[in-house]
Amino acid sequence: MSLISDASDPTFSAISRIPDEIFSTILRYTMRSEMPVHPEHFLKVGRQFRKICHANDTKNPGPSASTSSELWFLDQLEPGQMEHFKHWLLINSTCRRFRAWGKEAFFFEKVFIVRPKFLKTLTGKTAKGISAENSATARSCIRHVIVPLEPCASETLVLPQFHALQRLRSMSIQISDFNQQILGNWHPTILKRYSLRKEFTRLLRGSGLRVHQLQMDVLSDHNETEYHHQMEDLADEAYRCLRIVSMLRGEKFGGFVDGK
């Protein structure tokens, strides 16, 4: 699946003459998209892809088996993720300069769907299915995340750990059946954006999330009345634990902490 296979192609010569700053800017504009990246989807399809490749190579080794496996992989990708796959292919199958600057641009510009349970997989140094290099780049470059959040304390308490993403600047919390929405016919107009409740913001700050450094909101595919019901469910499940954590951190650091 190489996009440029001949190193003597004049395209390479032209790319090599572009100054680093301009080249980086071009790549960043190229990587921008309204559709978020769903890394768990890619990992799931990738695992299935490797199993099929192994089975095909065992039964019928040769180019035809490889081509069949690649077509299967493309067919399994959700339509909204195809653009991201093409971008990833572009920066990994052209030249060394694309790889060096392209991965940084990919993680820097795109919005990533990261469930609390998946955060450790994405940022861990020994993450299964993610190379150490890509995990390190993700930790140092990702700026925008959408966090599908179940209305429960265990997931809410993980939110401060998102500071493992060292350049994180925006976090949108989604409290509903987000995966189905995002991988289907997702469009920015489907989900409404709401401001965080003051109490929720205060408790998140007290639990260690540096909200003063983030642009935060809540995404919902419901009307305003149903959205408030969602937030009430979250309050019933999570607020008590957040208050306890805030109090414990306040005792440890002297007074109520603000997450700084």
Protein backbone atom coordinates (compact mmCIF):
# COMPACT_ATOMS: atom_id res chain seq x y z
CA MET A 1 0.00 0.00 0.00
CA SER A 2 2.76 2.47 -0.82
CA LEU A 3 1.69 5.86 -2.13
CA ILE A 4 5.10 6.78 -3.54
CA SER A 5 7.31 3.83 -4.25
CA ASP A 6 10.21 5.26 -6.26
CA ALA A 7 12.80 7.17 -4.26
CA SER A 8 14.01 8.82 -7.49
CA ASP A 9 10.56 10.35 -8.06
CA PRO A 10 10.88 14.15 -8.46
CA THR A 11 8.27 14.47 -5.72
CA PHE A 12 10.92 13.51 -3.18
CA SER A 13 13.27 16.15 -4.47
CA ALA A 14 10.57 18.80 -4.18
CA ILE A 15 9.67 17.71 -0.64
CA SER A 16 13.29 17.82 0.49
CA ARG A 17 13.56 21.49 -0.52
CA ILE A 18 10.59 22.67 1.56
CA PRO A 19 11.74 24.33 4.83
CA ASP A 20 10.86 22.38 7.98
CA GLU A 21 8.47 25.01 9.35
CA ILE A 22 6.47 25.21 6.12
CA PHE A 23 6.50 21.44 5.66
CA SER A 24 5.18 20.93 9.21
CA THR A 25 2.41 23.49 8.63
CA ILE A 26 1.33 21.79 5.41
CA LEU A 27 1.12 18.42 7.14
CA ARG A 28 -0.86 19.83 10.05
CA TYR A 29 -3.44 21.38 7.73
CA THR A 30 -3.64 18.06 5.87
CA MET A 31 -4.33 16.10 9.04
CA ARG A 32 -7.25 18.24 10.24
CA SER A 33 -10.67 16.61 10.17
CA GLU A 34 -14.12 17.05 11.71
CA MET A 35 -14.34 13.30 12.25
CA PRO A 36 -12.56 12.09 15.41
CA VAL A 37 -10.12 9.18 15.33
CA HIS A 38 -11.31 6.04 17.09
CA PRO A 39 -8.01 4.24 17.93
CA GLU A 40 -9.74 1.28 19.60
CA HIS A 41 -11.53 0.56 16.34
CA PHE A 42 -8.22 0.45 14.45
CA LEU A 43 -6.66 -1.84 17.06
CA LYS A 44 -9.63 -4.20 16.95
CA VAL A 45 -9.61 -4.43 13.14
CA GLY A 46 -5.82 -4.75 13.20
CA ARG A 47 -5.94 -7.75 15.53
CA GLN A 48 -8.49 -9.46 13.31
CA PHE A 49 -6.42 -8.54 10.25
CA ARG A 50 -3.29 -10.21 11.63
CA LYS A 51 -5.23 -13.39 12.37
CA ILE A 52 -6.62 -13.50 8.82
CA CYS A 53 -3.19 -12.80 7.31
CA HIS A 54 -1.72 -15.69 9.28
CA ALA A 55 -4.55 -18.01 8.25
CA ASN A 56 -4.31 -17.01 4.57
CA ASP A 57 -0.54 -17.36 4.47
CA THR A 58 -0.84 -20.83 5.97
CA LYS A 59 -3.52 -22.04 3.58
CA ASN A 60 -2.55 -20.19 0.41
CA PRO A 61 0.76 -18.29 0.65
CA GLY A 62 1.52 -15.73 -2.04
CA PRO A 63 0.53 -12.26 -3.34
CA SER A 64 -3.15 -13.18 -3.82
CA ALA A 65 -3.54 -14.04 -0.14
CA SER A 66 -1.94 -10.73 0.86
CA THR A 67 -4.20 -8.75 -1.48
CA SER A 68 -7.29 -10.53 -0.17
CA SER A 69 -6.32 -9.69 3.43
CA GLU A 70 -5.75 -6.03 2.60
CA LEU A 71 -9.14 -5.75 0.91
CA TRP A 72 -10.74 -7.34 3.97
CA PHE A 73 -9.05 -4.76 6.22
CA LEU A 74 -10.34 -1.84 4.14
CA ASP A 75 -13.83 -3.32 4.11
CA GLN A 76 -13.88 -3.60 7.92
CA LEU A 77 -12.99 0.04 8.54
CA GLU A 78 -15.90 2.29 9.39
CA PRO A 79 -16.43 4.87 6.61
CA GLY A 80 -15.70 7.76 8.93
CA GLN A 81 -12.30 6.29 9.82
CA MET A 82 -11.11 5.80 6.25
CA GLU A 83 -9.76 9.35 5.99
CA HIS A 84 -7.58 8.80 9.06
CA PHE A 85 -6.32 5.51 7.67
CA LYS A 86 -5.28 7.24 4.42
CA HIS A 87 -3.48 9.94 6.38
CA TRP A 88 -1.68 7.32 8.49
CA LEU A 89 -0.74 5.45 5.33
CA LEU A 90 0.57 8.65 3.75
CA ILE A 91 2.90 9.53 6.59
CA ASN A 92 4.19 5.96 7.06
CA SER A 93 4.73 4.82 3.48
CA THR A 94 6.42 7.70 1.69
CA CYS A 95 9.76 8.92 3.00
CA ARG A 96 11.60 9.39 6.28
CA ARG A 97 10.77 13.09 6.41
CA PHE A 98 7.06 12.35 6.18
CA ARG A 99 7.34 9.90 9.04
CA ALA A 100 9.33 12.28 11.21
CA TRP A 101 6.98 15.24 10.82
CA GLY A 102 3.79 13.43 9.82
CA LYS A 103 3.23 11.44 13.02
CA GLU A 104 3.60 14.56 15.11
CA ALA A 105 1.08 16.38 12.88
CA PHE A 106 -1.32 13.42 12.98
CA PHE A 107 -1.51 13.32 16.78
CA PHE A 108 -1.28 17.09 17.16
CA GLU A 109 -4.18 18.05 14.89
CA LYS A 110 -6.70 15.24 15.14
CA VAL A 111 -9.34 14.73 17.80
CA PHE A 112 -9.16 11.32 19.50
CA ILE A 113 -11.92 9.30 21.12
CA VAL A 114 -10.37 7.96 24.33
CA ARG A 115 -12.43 6.02 26.84
CA PRO A 116 -11.09 6.17 30.42
CA LYS A 117 -10.42 2.42 30.26
CA PHE A 118 -8.39 2.90 27.07
CA LEU A 119 -6.21 5.75 28.34
CA LYS A 120 -3.57 3.46 29.86
CA THR A 121 -3.40 1.42 26.65
CA LEU A 122 -2.87 4.56 24.58
CA THR A 123 -0.24 6.12 26.82
CA GLY A 124 1.45 3.04 28.30
CA LYS A 125 5.05 2.29 27.45
CA THR A 126 4.27 -1.35 26.72
CA ALA A 127 0.84 -0.94 25.13
CA LYS A 128 -0.30 -4.00 23.20
CA GLY A 129 -0.87 -3.15 19.56
CA ILE A 130 0.77 0.29 19.80
CA SER A 131 4.50 0.71 19.26
CA ALA A 132 6.57 2.48 21.93
CA GLU A 133 7.37 5.23 19.41
CA ASN A 134 3.71 5.87 18.55
CA SER A 135 2.68 5.78 22.21
CA ALA A 136 5.37 8.33 23.07
CA THR A 137 4.26 10.58 20.22
CA ALA A 138 0.63 10.28 21.36
CA ARG A 139 1.58 11.26 24.93
CA SER A 140 3.55 14.28 23.80
CA CYS A 141 1.34 15.54 20.96
CA ILE A 142 -2.37 14.80 21.47
CA ARG A 143 -4.22 18.03 22.26
CA HIS A 144 -7.90 17.22 21.73
CA VAL A 145 -9.91 14.30 23.14
CA ILE A 146 -13.52 13.22 23.32
CA VAL A 147 -14.12 11.07 26.39
CA PRO A 148 -17.13 8.69 26.27
CA LEU A 149 -18.07 8.55 29.92
CA GLU A 150 -20.41 6.16 31.68
CA PRO A 151 -22.27 7.89 34.51
CA CYS A 152 -20.29 6.15 37.22
CA ALA A 153 -17.68 7.15 39.77
CA SER A 154 -14.95 4.77 38.60
CA GLU A 155 -14.71 6.34 35.15
CA THR A 156 -15.08 9.92 36.35
CA LEU A 157 -12.20 9.49 38.81
CA VAL A 158 -9.90 8.57 35.92
CA LEU A 159 -10.28 11.98 34.25
CA PRO A 160 -7.29 13.60 36.08
CA GLN A 161 -5.09 10.86 34.59
CA PHE A 162 -5.67 12.38 31.15
CA HIS A 163 -2.85 14.78 32.03
CA ALA A 164 -0.62 11.92 30.90
CA LEU A 165 -1.31 13.58 27.55
CA GLN A 166 1.24 16.30 28.08
CA ARG A 167 -0.15 18.89 25.64
CA LEU A 168 -3.84 18.28 26.23
CA ARG A 169 -5.85 21.44 25.58
CA SER A 170 -9.47 20.39 25.10
CA MET A 171 -11.69 17.66 26.53
CA SER A 172 -15.27 16.98 25.52
CA ILE A 173 -17.18 14.57 27.74
CA GLN A 174 -19.85 12.43 26.07
CA ILE A 175 -22.42 10.75 28.33
CA SER A 176 -24.40 8.40 26.09
CA ASP A 177 -24.06 5.65 23.48
CA PHE A 178 -21.18 7.49 21.87
CA ASN A 179 -19.40 4.71 20.00
CA GLN A 180 -22.41 3.90 17.86
CA GLN A 181 -22.95 7.56 17.11
CA ILE A 182 -19.36 8.36 16.28
CA LEU A 183 -18.75 5.35 14.07
CA GLY A 184 -21.99 5.69 12.15
CA ASN A 185 -23.08 8.88 10.46
CA TRP A 186 -21.39 11.19 12.93
CA HIS A 187 -21.48 14.88 12.10
CA PRO A 188 -20.81 17.92 14.29
CA THR A 189 -24.46 18.98 13.96
CA ILE A 190 -25.70 15.71 15.52
CA LEU A 191 -24.15 16.38 18.92
CA LYS A 192 -24.96 19.49 20.92
CA ARG A 193 -22.37 21.13 23.14
CA TYR A 194 -23.18 22.18 26.69
CA SER A 195 -21.09 23.94 29.30
CA LEU A 196 -20.00 21.97 32.34
CA ARG A 197 -22.02 22.54 35.47
CA LYS A 198 -20.20 24.68 38.01
CA GLU A 199 -20.40 21.98 40.68
CA PHE A 200 -19.01 19.35 38.31
CA THR A 201 -16.20 21.69 37.30
CA ARG A 202 -15.35 22.43 40.93
CA LEU A 203 -15.27 18.74 41.86
CA LEU A 204 -13.14 17.81 38.86
CA ARG A 205 -10.71 20.56 39.81
CA GLY A 206 -10.63 19.32 43.38
CA SER A 207 -9.96 15.75 42.22
CA GLY A 208 -6.84 16.87 40.36
CA LEU A 209 -8.00 17.72 36.84
CA ARG A 210 -6.40 21.01 35.82
CA VAL A 211 -9.58 22.46 34.36
CA HIS A 212 -8.06 25.94 34.19
CA GLN A 213 -5.74 24.61 31.46
CA LEU A 214 -8.48 22.95 29.40
CA GLN A 215 -11.36 23.90 27.19
CA MET A 216 -14.09 21.59 28.48
CA ASP A 217 -17.67 20.89 27.50
CA VAL A 218 -20.23 18.11 27.40
CA LEU A 219 -21.47 16.55 24.16
CA SER A 220 -24.97 15.11 23.99
CA ASP A 221 -27.19 13.73 21.26
CA HIS A 222 -30.25 14.60 23.36
CA ASN A 223 -32.27 17.75 23.81
CA GLU A 224 -31.57 20.05 26.74
CA THR A 225 -34.11 18.41 29.07
CA GLU A 226 -32.69 14.92 28.50
CA TYR A 227 -29.17 16.31 28.82
CA HIS A 228 -30.00 17.58 32.30
CA HIS A 229 -31.33 14.11 33.16
CA GLN A 230 -27.98 12.66 32.03
CA MET A 231 -26.11 15.08 34.27
CA GLU A 232 -28.37 14.21 37.19
CA ASP A 233 -27.54 10.54 36.69
CA LEU A 234 -23.85 11.43 36.69
CA ALA A 235 -24.29 13.52 39.83
CA ASP A 236 -26.03 10.67 41.64
CA GLU A 237 -23.26 8.22 40.75
CA ALA A 238 -20.08 10.25 40.79
CA TYR A 239 -20.34 13.46 42.79
CA ARG A 240 -20.07 11.79 46.21
CA CYS A 241 -16.79 10.08 45.28
CA LEU A 242 -15.45 13.26 43.72
CA ARG A 243 -16.22 15.14 46.93
CA ILE A 244 -14.38 12.54 49.01
CA VAL A 245 -11.34 12.69 46.72
CA SER A 246 -11.40 16.49 46.84
CA MET A 247 -11.54 16.45 50.64
CA LEU A 248 -8.69 13.94 50.91
CA ARG A 249 -6.54 15.94 48.54
CA GLY A 250 -7.41 19.07 50.46
CA GLU A 251 -6.25 17.48 53.73
CA LYS A 252 -3.05 16.24 52.10
CA PHE A 253 -2.11 19.54 50.45
CA GLY A 254 -3.62 21.90 53.01
CA GLY A 255 -7.08 23.24 52.28
CA PHE A 256 -9.28 22.62 49.28
CA VAL A 257 -7.06 22.13 46.26
CA ASP A 258 -7.82 23.60 42.88
CA GLY A 259 -5.96 21.10 40.70
CA LYS A 260 -2.99 23.35 39.99
